[in-house]
Amino acid sequence: MVFEKIKEIVVEQLGVNEEDVKLETSFIEDLGADSLDLFQVVMDLEDAFDVKVENVETIKTVGDAVKYIESAIEK
């Protein structure tokens, strides 16, 4: 559920193919995101999951985002 929603946001924000978004996918190296793209993705994640991402630098891959969101939801 969390991964699917994150994938949807990433595809929409970065204009990438859904099949290119996997847990191990790096936002910068694999998807070509710059810091502004990443900021926008994080903002959308915050809105979608009603969480606050304190340290954006820790989110380098889609899997990092999933782990962060899942742990934030559990709190």
PDB file of N, CA and C in Angstrom:
ATOM      1  N   MET A   1       0.824  -1.195   0.000  1.00  0.00           N
ATOM      2  CA  MET A   1       0.000   0.000   0.000  1.00  0.00           C
ATOM      3  C   MET A   1       0.872   1.265   0.000  1.00  0.00           C
ATOM      4  N   VAL A   2       1.792   1.349   0.936  1.00  0.00           N
ATOM      5  CA  VAL A   2       2.678   2.524   1.015  1.00  0.00           C
ATOM      6  C   VAL A   2       3.531   2.616  -0.250  1.00  0.00           C
ATOM      7  N   PHE A   3       4.115   1.487  -0.650  1.00  0.00           N
ATOM      8  CA  PHE A   3       4.970   1.484  -1.847  1.00  0.00           C
ATOM      9  C   PHE A   3       4.177   1.905  -3.085  1.00  0.00           C
ATOM     10  N   GLU A   4       2.965   1.392  -3.229  1.00  0.00           N
ATOM     11  CA  GLU A   4       2.155   1.720  -4.406  1.00  0.00           C
ATOM     12  C   GLU A   4       1.858   3.220  -4.478  1.00  0.00           C
ATOM     13  N   LYS A   5       1.534   3.811  -3.354  1.00  0.00           N
ATOM     14  CA  LYS A   5       1.231   5.248  -3.315  1.00  0.00           C
ATOM     15  C   LYS A   5       2.493   6.064  -3.608  1.00  0.00           C
ATOM     16  N   ILE A   6       3.610   5.655  -3.029  1.00  0.00           N
ATOM     17  CA  ILE A   6       4.869   6.355  -3.285  1.00  0.00           C
ATOM     18  C   ILE A   6       5.233   6.245  -4.765  1.00  0.00           C
ATOM     19  N   LYS A   7       5.062   5.059  -5.326  1.00  0.00           N
ATOM     20  CA  LYS A   7       5.355   4.859  -6.748  1.00  0.00           C
ATOM     21  C   LYS A   7       4.500   5.799  -7.599  1.00  0.00           C
ATOM     22  N   GLU A   8       3.227   5.897  -7.264  1.00  0.00           N
ATOM     23  CA  GLU A   8       2.302   6.774  -7.987  1.00  0.00           C
ATOM     24  C   GLU A   8       2.790   8.231  -7.941  1.00  0.00           C
ATOM     25  N   ILE A   9       3.204   8.680  -6.767  1.00  0.00           N
ATOM     26  CA  ILE A   9       3.702  10.051  -6.605  1.00  0.00           C
ATOM     27  C   ILE A   9       4.981  10.265  -7.408  1.00  0.00           C
ATOM     28  N   VAL A  10       5.895   9.311  -7.344  1.00  0.00           N
ATOM     29  CA  VAL A  10       7.174   9.426  -8.055  1.00  0.00           C
ATOM     30  C   VAL A  10       6.950   9.479  -9.566  1.00  0.00           C
ATOM     31  N   VAL A  11       6.089   8.602 -10.071  1.00  0.00           N
ATOM     32  CA  VAL A  11       5.793   8.584 -11.506  1.00  0.00           C
ATOM     33  C   VAL A  11       5.201   9.921 -11.940  1.00  0.00           C
ATOM     34  N   GLU A  12       4.270  10.421 -11.148  1.00  0.00           N
ATOM     35  CA  GLU A  12       3.615  11.690 -11.484  1.00  0.00           C
ATOM     36  C   GLU A  12       4.586  12.869 -11.416  1.00  0.00           C
ATOM     37  N   GLN A  13       5.366  12.949 -10.346  1.00  0.00           N
ATOM     38  CA  GLN A  13       6.262  14.097 -10.155  1.00  0.00           C
ATOM     39  C   GLN A  13       7.468  14.087 -11.085  1.00  0.00           C
ATOM     40  N   LEU A  14       8.024  12.912 -11.315  1.00  0.00           N
ATOM     41  CA  LEU A  14       9.276  12.841 -12.079  1.00  0.00           C
ATOM     42  C   LEU A  14       9.059  12.455 -13.535  1.00  0.00           C
ATOM     43  N   GLY A  15       7.831  12.076 -13.880  1.00  0.00           N
ATOM     44  CA  GLY A  15       7.543  11.705 -15.266  1.00  0.00           C
ATOM     45  C   GLY A  15       8.304  10.482 -15.728  1.00  0.00           C
ATOM     46  N   VAL A  16       8.456   9.515 -14.830  1.00  0.00           N
ATOM     47  CA  VAL A  16       9.171   8.283 -15.169  1.00  0.00           C
ATOM     48  C   VAL A  16       8.165   7.150 -15.358  1.00  0.00           C
ATOM     49  N   ASN A  17       8.629   6.049 -15.932  1.00  0.00           N
ATOM     50  CA  ASN A  17       7.777   4.880 -16.128  1.00  0.00           C
ATOM     51  C   ASN A  17       7.587   4.134 -14.821  1.00  0.00           C
ATOM     52  N   GLU A  18       6.380   3.616 -14.623  1.00  0.00           N
ATOM     53  CA  GLU A  18       6.068   2.892 -13.400  1.00  0.00           C
ATOM     54  C   GLU A  18       7.019   1.712 -13.173  1.00  0.00           C
ATOM     55  N   GLU A  19       7.372   1.015 -14.257  1.00  0.00           N
ATOM     56  CA  GLU A  19       8.246  -0.163 -14.117  1.00  0.00           C
ATOM     57  C   GLU A  19       9.679   0.213 -13.719  1.00  0.00           C
ATOM     58  N   ASP A  20      10.034   1.486 -13.823  1.00  0.00           N
ATOM     59  CA  ASP A  20      11.370   1.944 -13.414  1.00  0.00           C
ATOM     60  C   ASP A  20      11.454   2.230 -11.923  1.00  0.00           C
ATOM     61  N   VAL A  21      10.315   2.218 -11.235  1.00  0.00           N
ATOM     62  CA  VAL A  21      10.287   2.562  -9.811  1.00  0.00           C
ATOM     63  C   VAL A  21      10.211   1.292  -8.982  1.00  0.00           C
ATOM     64  N   LYS A  22      11.352   0.942  -8.367  1.00  0.00           N
ATOM     65  CA  LYS A  22      11.457  -0.235  -7.504  1.00  0.00           C
ATOM     66  C   LYS A  22      12.007   0.216  -6.155  1.00  0.00           C
ATOM     67  N   LEU A  23      11.977  -0.655  -5.169  1.00  0.00           N
ATOM     68  CA  LEU A  23      12.471  -0.287  -3.841  1.00  0.00           C
ATOM     69  C   LEU A  23      13.921   0.180  -3.874  1.00  0.00           C
ATOM     70  N   GLU A  24      14.736  -0.466  -4.705  1.00  0.00           N
ATOM     71  CA  GLU A  24      16.167  -0.128  -4.731  1.00  0.00           C
ATOM     72  C   GLU A  24      16.485   1.051  -5.658  1.00  0.00           C
ATOM     73  N   THR A  25      15.486   1.611  -6.308  1.00  0.00           N
ATOM     74  CA  THR A  25      15.696   2.711  -7.249  1.00  0.00           C
ATOM     75  C   THR A  25      16.130   3.983  -6.525  1.00  0.00           C
ATOM     76  N   SER A  26      17.242   4.547  -6.988  1.00  0.00           N
ATOM     77  CA  SER A  26      17.742   5.812  -6.439  1.00  0.00           C
ATOM     78  C   SER A  26      17.054   6.972  -7.150  1.00  0.00           C
ATOM     79  N   PHE A  27      16.571   7.930  -6.357  1.00  0.00           N
ATOM     80  CA  PHE A  27      15.909   9.087  -6.956  1.00  0.00           C
ATOM     81  C   PHE A  27      16.843   9.849  -7.881  1.00  0.00           C
ATOM     82  N   ILE A  28      18.073  10.054  -7.443  1.00  0.00           N
ATOM     83  CA  ILE A  28      19.014  10.882  -8.198  1.00  0.00           C
ATOM     84  C   ILE A  28      19.709  10.090  -9.305  1.00  0.00           C
ATOM     85  N   GLU A  29      20.364   8.980  -8.946  1.00  0.00           N
ATOM     86  CA  GLU A  29      21.135   8.230  -9.936  1.00  0.00           C
ATOM     87  C   GLU A  29      20.249   7.533 -10.973  1.00  0.00           C
ATOM     88  N   ASP A  30      19.162   6.894 -10.525  1.00  0.00           N
ATOM     89  CA  ASP A  30      18.351   6.100 -11.447  1.00  0.00           C
ATOM     90  C   ASP A  30      17.233   6.891 -12.128  1.00  0.00           C
ATOM     91  N   LEU A  31      16.658   7.843 -11.414  1.00  0.00           N
ATOM     92  CA  LEU A  31      15.510   8.569 -11.963  1.00  0.00           C
ATOM     93  C   LEU A  31      15.847   9.978 -12.417  1.00  0.00           C
ATOM     94  N   GLY A  32      17.086  10.412 -12.174  1.00  0.00           N
ATOM     95  CA  GLY A  32      17.531  11.719 -12.648  1.00  0.00           C
ATOM     96  C   GLY A  32      16.918  12.903 -11.915  1.00  0.00           C
ATOM     97  N   ALA A  33      16.454  12.668 -10.696  1.00  0.00           N
ATOM     98  CA  ALA A  33      15.848  13.756  -9.913  1.00  0.00           C
ATOM     99  C   ALA A  33      16.931  14.702  -9.409  1.00  0.00           C
ATOM    100  N   ASP A  34      16.603  15.989  -9.383  1.00  0.00           N
ATOM    101  CA  ASP A  34      17.508  16.934  -8.735  1.00  0.00           C
ATOM    102  C   ASP A  34      16.920  17.274  -7.364  1.00  0.00           C
ATOM    103  N   SER A  35      17.577  18.159  -6.641  1.00  0.00           N
ATOM    104  CA  SER A  35      17.126  18.444  -5.277  1.00  0.00           C
ATOM    105  C   SER A  35      15.721  19.051  -5.253  1.00  0.00           C
ATOM    106  N   LEU A  36      15.384  19.843  -6.251  1.00  0.00           N
ATOM    107  CA  LEU A  36      14.045  20.428  -6.320  1.00  0.00           C
ATOM    108  C   LEU A  36      12.987  19.343  -6.566  1.00  0.00           C
ATOM    109  N   ASP A  37      13.302  18.397  -7.470  1.00  0.00           N
ATOM    110  CA  ASP A  37      12.398  17.267  -7.717  1.00  0.00           C
ATOM    111  C   ASP A  37      12.171  16.485  -6.434  1.00  0.00           C
ATOM    112  N   LEU A  38      13.257  16.203  -5.735  1.00  0.00           N
ATOM    113  CA  LEU A  38      13.171  15.420  -4.504  1.00  0.00           C
ATOM    114  C   LEU A  38      12.351  16.161  -3.449  1.00  0.00           C
ATOM    115  N   PHE A  39      12.545  17.455  -3.365  1.00  0.00           N
ATOM    116  CA  PHE A  39      11.777  18.271  -2.430  1.00  0.00           C
ATOM    117  C   PHE A  39      10.280  18.175  -2.740  1.00  0.00           C
ATOM    118  N   GLN A  40       9.939  18.244  -4.021  1.00  0.00           N
ATOM    119  CA  GLN A  40       8.529  18.158  -4.421  1.00  0.00           C
ATOM    120  C   GLN A  40       7.949  16.780  -4.115  1.00  0.00           C
ATOM    121  N   VAL A  41       8.720  15.738  -4.360  1.00  0.00           N
ATOM    122  CA  VAL A  41       8.267  14.378  -4.041  1.00  0.00           C
ATOM    123  C   VAL A  41       8.009  14.263  -2.538  1.00  0.00           C
ATOM    124  N   VAL A  42       8.944  14.774  -1.736  1.00  0.00           N
ATOM    125  CA  VAL A  42       8.796  14.714  -0.276  1.00  0.00           C
ATOM    126  C   VAL A  42       7.559  15.498   0.175  1.00  0.00           C
ATOM    127  N   MET A  43       7.336  16.664  -0.416  1.00  0.00           N
ATOM    128  CA  MET A  43       6.139  17.446  -0.070  1.00  0.00           C
ATOM    129  C   MET A  43       4.873  16.644  -0.369  1.00  0.00           C
ATOM    130  N   ASP A  44       4.850  15.977  -1.508  1.00  0.00           N
ATOM    131  CA  ASP A  44       3.686  15.162  -1.877  1.00  0.00           C
ATOM    132  C   ASP A  44       3.523  13.974  -0.931  1.00  0.00           C
ATOM    133  N   LEU A  45       4.636  13.388  -0.510  1.00  0.00           N
ATOM    134  CA  LEU A  45       4.580  12.276   0.449  1.00  0.00           C
ATOM    135  C   LEU A  45       4.003  12.756   1.775  1.00  0.00           C
ATOM    136  N   GLU A  46       4.454  13.924   2.212  1.00  0.00           N
ATOM    137  CA  GLU A  46       3.945  14.489   3.468  1.00  0.00           C
ATOM    138  C   GLU A  46       2.434  14.697   3.394  1.00  0.00           C
ATOM    139  N   ASP A  47       1.979  15.236   2.271  1.00  0.00           N
ATOM    140  CA  ASP A  47       0.542  15.467   2.091  1.00  0.00           C
ATOM    141  C   ASP A  47      -0.228  14.154   2.018  1.00  0.00           C
ATOM    142  N   ALA A  48       0.277  13.218   1.250  1.00  0.00           N
ATOM    143  CA  ALA A  48      -0.438  11.955   1.026  1.00  0.00           C
ATOM    144  C   ALA A  48      -0.545  11.114   2.293  1.00  0.00           C
ATOM    145  N   PHE A  49       0.498  11.132   3.119  1.00  0.00           N
ATOM    146  CA  PHE A  49       0.529  10.265   4.296  1.00  0.00           C
ATOM    147  C   PHE A  49       0.355  11.025   5.606  1.00  0.00           C
ATOM    148  N   ASP A  50       0.195  12.340   5.525  1.00  0.00           N
ATOM    149  CA  ASP A  50       0.023  13.183   6.703  1.00  0.00           C
ATOM    150  C   ASP A  50       1.152  12.981   7.709  1.00  0.00           C
ATOM    151  N   VAL A  51       2.379  13.077   7.196  1.00  0.00           N
ATOM    152  CA  VAL A  51       3.576  12.955   8.030  1.00  0.00           C
ATOM    153  C   VAL A  51       4.479  14.153   7.739  1.00  0.00           C
ATOM    154  N   LYS A  52       5.485  14.324   8.589  1.00  0.00           N
ATOM    155  CA  LYS A  52       6.479  15.373   8.375  1.00  0.00           C
ATOM    156  C   LYS A  52       7.829  14.702   8.186  1.00  0.00           C
ATOM    157  N   VAL A  53       8.474  14.963   7.068  1.00  0.00           N
ATOM    158  CA  VAL A  53       9.804  14.419   6.803  1.00  0.00           C
ATOM    159  C   VAL A  53      10.813  15.426   7.321  1.00  0.00           C
ATOM    160  N   GLU A  54      11.481  15.071   8.402  1.00  0.00           N
ATOM    161  CA  GLU A  54      12.416  15.989   9.052  1.00  0.00           C
ATOM    162  C   GLU A  54      13.758  16.071   8.333  1.00  0.00           C
ATOM    163  N   ASN A  55      14.224  14.942   7.827  1.00  0.00           N
ATOM    164  CA  ASN A  55      15.566  14.904   7.260  1.00  0.00           C
ATOM    165  C   ASN A  55      15.524  14.316   5.852  1.00  0.00           C
ATOM    166  N   VAL A  56      15.296  15.177   4.881  1.00  0.00           N
ATOM    167  CA  VAL A  56      15.147  14.749   3.489  1.00  0.00           C
ATOM    168  C   VAL A  56      16.390  14.020   2.980  1.00  0.00           C
ATOM    169  N   GLU A  57      17.560  14.399   3.490  1.00  0.00           N
ATOM    170  CA  GLU A  57      18.817  13.808   3.011  1.00  0.00           C
ATOM    171  C   GLU A  57      18.899  12.305   3.259  1.00  0.00           C
ATOM    172  N   THR A  58      18.106  11.797   4.198  1.00  0.00           N
ATOM    173  CA  THR A  58      18.157  10.352   4.480  1.00  0.00           C
ATOM    174  C   THR A  58      17.395   9.539   3.435  1.00  0.00           C
ATOM    175  N   ILE A  59      16.608  10.208   2.611  1.00  0.00           N
ATOM    176  CA  ILE A  59      15.812   9.501   1.607  1.00  0.00           C
ATOM    177  C   ILE A  59      16.529   9.563   0.267  1.00  0.00           C
ATOM    178  N   LYS A  60      17.222   8.487  -0.047  1.00  0.00           N
ATOM    179  CA  LYS A  60      17.984   8.418  -1.291  1.00  0.00           C
ATOM    180  C   LYS A  60      17.343   7.469  -2.303  1.00  0.00           C
ATOM    181  N   THR A  61      16.639   6.458  -1.803  1.00  0.00           N
ATOM    182  CA  THR A  61      16.003   5.487  -2.688  1.00  0.00           C
ATOM    183  C   THR A  61      14.504   5.427  -2.392  1.00  0.00           C
ATOM    184  N   VAL A  62      13.776   4.792  -3.277  1.00  0.00           N
ATOM    185  CA  VAL A  62      12.342   4.596  -3.064  1.00  0.00           C
ATOM    186  C   VAL A  62      12.134   3.762  -1.796  1.00  0.00           C
ATOM    187  N   GLY A  63      12.993   2.785  -1.579  1.00  0.00           N
ATOM    188  CA  GLY A  63      12.916   1.960  -0.369  1.00  0.00           C
ATOM    189  C   GLY A  63      13.104   2.776   0.901  1.00  0.00           C
ATOM    190  N   ASP A  64      14.009   3.752   0.861  1.00  0.00           N
ATOM    191  CA  ASP A  64      14.205   4.651   2.009  1.00  0.00           C
ATOM    192  C   ASP A  64      12.910   5.402   2.312  1.00  0.00           C
ATOM    193  N   ALA A  65      12.250   5.863   1.260  1.00  0.00           N
ATOM    194  CA  ALA A  65      10.994   6.591   1.433  1.00  0.00           C
ATOM    195  C   ALA A  65       9.927   5.692   2.043  1.00  0.00           C
ATOM    196  N   VAL A  66       9.845   4.453   1.560  1.00  0.00           N
ATOM    197  CA  VAL A  66       8.854   3.501   2.096  1.00  0.00           C
ATOM    198  C   VAL A  66       9.109   3.253   3.576  1.00  0.00           C
ATOM    199  N   LYS A  67      10.374   2.982   3.936  1.00  0.00           N
ATOM    200  CA  LYS A  67      10.718   2.725   5.345  1.00  0.00           C
ATOM    201  C   LYS A  67      10.395   3.935   6.216  1.00  0.00           C
ATOM    202  N   TYR A  68      10.744   5.113   5.731  1.00  0.00           N
ATOM    203  CA  TYR A  68      10.506   6.341   6.495  1.00  0.00           C
ATOM    204  C   TYR A  68       9.015   6.542   6.739  1.00  0.00           C
ATOM    205  N   ILE A  69       8.233   6.419   5.688  1.00  0.00           N
ATOM    206  CA  ILE A  69       6.784   6.631   5.798  1.00  0.00           C
ATOM    207  C   ILE A  69       6.161   5.575   6.704  1.00  0.00           C
ATOM    208  N   GLU A  70       6.534   4.306   6.520  1.00  0.00           N
ATOM    209  CA  GLU A  70       5.967   3.244   7.349  1.00  0.00           C
ATOM    210  C   GLU A  70       6.280   3.457   8.817  1.00  0.00           C
ATOM    211  N   SER A  71       7.499   3.872   9.131  1.00  0.00           N
ATOM    212  CA  SER A  71       7.839   4.099  10.543  1.00  0.00           C
ATOM    213  C   SER A  71       7.146   5.346  11.079  1.00  0.00           C
ATOM    214  N   ALA A  72       6.954   6.361  10.243  1.00  0.00           N
ATOM    215  CA  ALA A  72       6.258   7.579  10.684  1.00  0.00           C
ATOM    216  C   ALA A  72       4.781   7.308  10.937  1.00  0.00           C
ATOM    217  N   ILE A  73       4.199   6.442  10.133  1.00  0.00           N
ATOM    218  CA  ILE A  73       2.774   6.100  10.299  1.00  0.00           C
ATOM    219  C   ILE A  73       2.547   5.330  11.601  1.00  0.00           C
ATOM    220  N   GLU A  74       3.515   4.486  11.947  1.00  0.00           N
ATOM    221  CA  GLU A  74       3.386   3.641  13.141  1.00  0.00           C
ATOM    222  C   GLU A  74       3.430   4.449  14.434  1.00  0.00           C
ATOM    223  N   LYS A  75       4.012   5.639  14.405  1.00  0.00           N
ATOM    224  CA  LYS A  75       4.180   6.434  15.625  1.00  0.00           C
ATOM    225  C   LYS A  75       2.871   7.021  16.102  1.00  0.00           C
TER     226      LYS A  75
END
